[in-house]
Structure formats: C-alpha cells, structure tokens
Amino acid sequence: MQREFTDALAARARSWPVDPLSCVVLVAPHTPYGQLPAYLDIDDPVRGRGVLTIGCHFDGTGVRGDRLHNQCFTLPDEPTEFAFGTSGSPAEAAHRTADWCEAVLARPLVRARPSTRRGIRLTPSGQRQITAPPGRTRCRTRPR
C-alpha cells in the first residue's frame, strides 16, 4: 500500500516547480508515529529561505495533511488553514494529496506590505506570513 501511494505521489511531484530535494517521503518504520510521512518544503527562491513545510501522513487507509513542523514533520495539534484529509485506495489518496499540494504551490509568494491577497507573503520586517483564504486565519513564523 505504501509503495503504491508513494509511486503515485512521486509521479505527480515530478512536474512541480520545486527543487526535487524539497519533496521527501520518509519510510514509516523509521518514524515515531508509524505512518508514512511525505513533505514538501516551499522556498523563497530570491532569498534562498524556506517559507513553509507542508505534508501528509498516510496510514494505509487515509491521509491527513497540513502545515508540518519543519524538523519533526509532525502535524499541528490544531488544524491550520492548510488542513487536508482524504481516504480511498492508495492511488486515489495520492492523487488527492497531489491536488492539495498543487493548490498550495499555486498560491503566490508575495513580498509586500500586508494585504488581503491570498498567498505566502514575506513582510518588510522579515517575518514570514502565509495568507489564508478569505475568512480564515493566518499563520506567522519568526525568521530563522
């Protein structure tokens, strides 16, 4: 099951406009939670910095995805505006997960003053902000 999920997700990820080293699948037996995590680091190519790590955990029957901790690759305690979930066959779950990753990647990286536009924004103060769809909250992280 994990191989089918991984193969289907990898096939879609090949066309994504990111560094191939930014797309990673960790082998489930080597994770503390026994699930297959896959993650995608989204970088600001101008500044050469990571802006966001999104990913999912596949348990064989379903997928939970969201913004991930950028070192432990754990899901947040509370779902964020990036939260995603699906179930189905491994191939179906992988295709829905790829659709979700592509939707996040489609958000523009905007270096501007705060605005109401959707996307990922780097503010002049150096704080990174990921803007949410209208009516949802934003996430903020401190600069590294």
Protein backbone atom coordinates (compact mmCIF):
# COMPACT_ATOMS: atom_id res chain seq x y z
CA MET A 1 0.00 0.00 0.00
CA GLN A 2 2.72 2.47 0.95
CA ARG A 3 4.61 1.77 -2.25
CA GLU A 4 1.51 2.41 -4.37
CA PHE A 5 0.85 5.70 -2.55
CA THR A 6 4.48 6.78 -2.87
CA ASP A 7 4.73 5.89 -6.56
CA ALA A 8 1.54 7.77 -7.45
CA LEU A 9 2.55 10.85 -5.44
CA ALA A 10 6.08 10.83 -6.87
CA ALA A 11 4.74 10.66 -10.42
CA ARG A 12 2.76 13.86 -9.87
CA ALA A 13 5.55 15.60 -7.91
CA ARG A 14 7.95 15.30 -10.86
CA SER A 15 6.08 18.12 -12.62
CA TRP A 16 6.07 20.51 -9.65
CA PRO A 17 8.15 23.70 -9.96
CA VAL A 18 10.31 22.93 -6.91
CA ASP A 19 13.76 21.55 -6.21
CA PRO A 20 13.42 17.73 -6.25
CA LEU A 21 15.24 17.63 -2.90
CA SER A 22 12.34 19.63 -1.42
CA CYS A 23 9.95 16.67 -1.89
CA VAL A 24 10.66 13.87 0.56
CA VAL A 25 8.97 10.66 1.71
CA LEU A 26 10.18 9.12 4.98
CA VAL A 27 9.98 5.36 5.47
CA ALA A 28 7.25 4.58 8.02
CA PRO A 29 9.20 2.04 10.15
CA HIS A 30 11.76 4.78 10.86
CA THR A 31 9.23 7.32 12.14
CA PRO A 32 7.99 7.54 15.73
CA TYR A 33 4.33 7.54 14.66
CA GLY A 34 4.38 4.50 12.33
CA GLN A 35 2.84 6.36 9.40
CA LEU A 36 4.33 7.26 6.05
CA PRO A 37 5.03 11.00 6.08
CA ALA A 38 5.63 12.89 2.86
CA TYR A 39 6.55 16.55 2.92
CA LEU A 40 7.27 19.47 0.63
CA ASP A 41 9.47 22.42 1.59
CA ILE A 42 8.38 25.62 -0.13
CA ASP A 43 11.27 28.04 -0.55
CA ASP A 44 11.63 31.69 -1.45
CA PRO A 45 13.99 31.43 -4.44
CA VAL A 46 15.08 35.08 -4.16
CA ARG A 47 16.11 34.91 -0.52
CA GLY A 48 17.06 31.23 -0.56
CA ARG A 49 15.00 30.52 2.56
CA GLY A 50 12.34 28.03 3.49
CA VAL A 51 8.93 29.66 3.84
CA LEU A 52 6.64 26.73 4.59
CA THR A 53 6.72 22.97 5.07
CA ILE A 54 3.52 21.16 4.17
CA GLY A 55 3.00 17.45 4.16
CA CYS A 56 0.84 14.50 4.96
CA HIS A 57 0.78 11.30 6.95
CA PHE A 58 -0.52 8.20 5.15
CA ASP A 59 -1.69 5.37 7.41
CA GLY A 60 -2.70 2.87 4.74
CA THR A 61 -6.35 3.87 4.61
CA GLY A 62 -6.28 7.64 4.61
CA VAL A 63 -4.22 10.80 4.55
CA ARG A 64 -4.05 13.75 6.93
CA GLY A 65 -2.16 16.75 5.65
CA ASP A 66 -1.36 20.21 6.94
CA ARG A 67 1.49 22.54 7.68
CA LEU A 68 4.21 20.38 9.28
CA HIS A 69 6.90 21.10 11.82
CA ASN A 70 9.94 21.69 9.62
CA GLN A 71 12.22 19.32 11.56
CA CYS A 72 9.99 16.72 13.24
CA PHE A 73 7.44 16.62 10.39
CA THR A 74 4.58 16.31 12.85
CA LEU A 75 1.08 17.58 12.19
CA PRO A 76 -0.07 20.54 14.30
CA ASP A 77 -2.25 19.95 17.36
CA GLU A 78 -4.94 22.18 15.85
CA PRO A 79 -5.68 22.15 12.10
CA THR A 80 -4.50 25.23 10.20
CA GLU A 81 -5.87 26.79 7.04
CA PHE A 82 -3.81 24.21 5.12
CA ALA A 83 -5.54 21.19 6.74
CA PHE A 84 -6.46 18.37 4.37
CA GLY A 85 -7.83 14.87 4.71
CA THR A 86 -8.88 12.10 2.37
CA SER A 87 -9.36 8.36 2.20
CA GLY A 88 -9.62 5.75 -0.51
CA SER A 89 -7.23 3.45 -2.29
CA PRO A 90 -3.55 4.38 -2.01
CA ALA A 91 -3.53 5.67 -5.60
CA GLU A 92 -6.70 7.76 -5.10
CA ALA A 93 -5.35 9.17 -1.82
CA ALA A 94 -2.05 10.04 -3.50
CA HIS A 95 -3.78 11.85 -6.37
CA ARG A 96 -5.95 13.87 -3.96
CA THR A 97 -2.85 14.66 -1.89
CA ALA A 98 -1.05 15.82 -5.05
CA ASP A 99 -4.04 18.04 -5.91
CA TRP A 100 -3.78 19.60 -2.44
CA CYS A 101 -0.01 20.16 -2.76
CA GLU A 102 -0.51 21.76 -6.17
CA ALA A 103 -3.19 24.08 -4.76
CA VAL A 104 -0.78 25.25 -2.05
CA LEU A 105 2.03 25.66 -4.60
CA ALA A 106 -0.31 27.75 -6.76
CA ARG A 107 -0.55 30.39 -4.04
CA PRO A 108 1.75 33.26 -4.97
CA LEU A 109 4.80 34.14 -2.93
CA VAL A 110 4.29 37.85 -2.39
CA ARG A 111 6.93 40.17 -0.94
CA ALA A 112 4.81 43.12 0.04
CA ARG A 113 3.23 45.03 2.85
CA PRO A 114 0.28 43.26 4.50
CA SER A 115 -2.69 42.93 2.20
CA THR A 116 -5.75 40.75 1.82
CA ARG A 117 -4.36 38.79 -1.12
CA ARG A 118 -4.06 35.03 -0.81
CA GLY A 119 -0.61 33.51 -0.91
CA ILE A 120 2.61 33.39 1.01
CA ARG A 121 3.93 36.80 1.99
CA LEU A 122 7.29 37.98 3.28
CA THR A 123 6.83 41.21 5.16
CA PRO A 124 9.43 44.02 5.25
CA SER A 125 10.08 43.23 8.93
CA GLY A 126 11.43 39.84 7.95
CA GLN A 127 8.50 37.91 9.39
CA ARG A 128 7.11 35.30 7.04
CA GLN A 129 3.34 35.18 6.73
CA ILE A 130 1.23 32.69 4.89
CA THR A 131 -2.01 34.38 3.96
CA ALA A 132 -5.18 32.40 4.21
CA PRO A 133 -8.27 32.28 2.06
CA PRO A 134 -10.82 34.99 2.93
CA GLY A 135 -12.45 34.42 6.30
CA ARG A 136 -9.65 32.17 7.62
CA THR A 137 -6.80 32.98 9.99
CA ARG A 138 -3.16 33.42 9.03
CA CYS A 139 -0.07 31.62 10.32
CA ARG A 140 3.06 33.51 11.26
CA THR A 141 6.54 32.25 11.90
CA ARG A 142 9.59 34.02 13.18
CA PRO A 143 12.58 34.49 10.88
CA ARG A 144 15.27 31.82 11.15
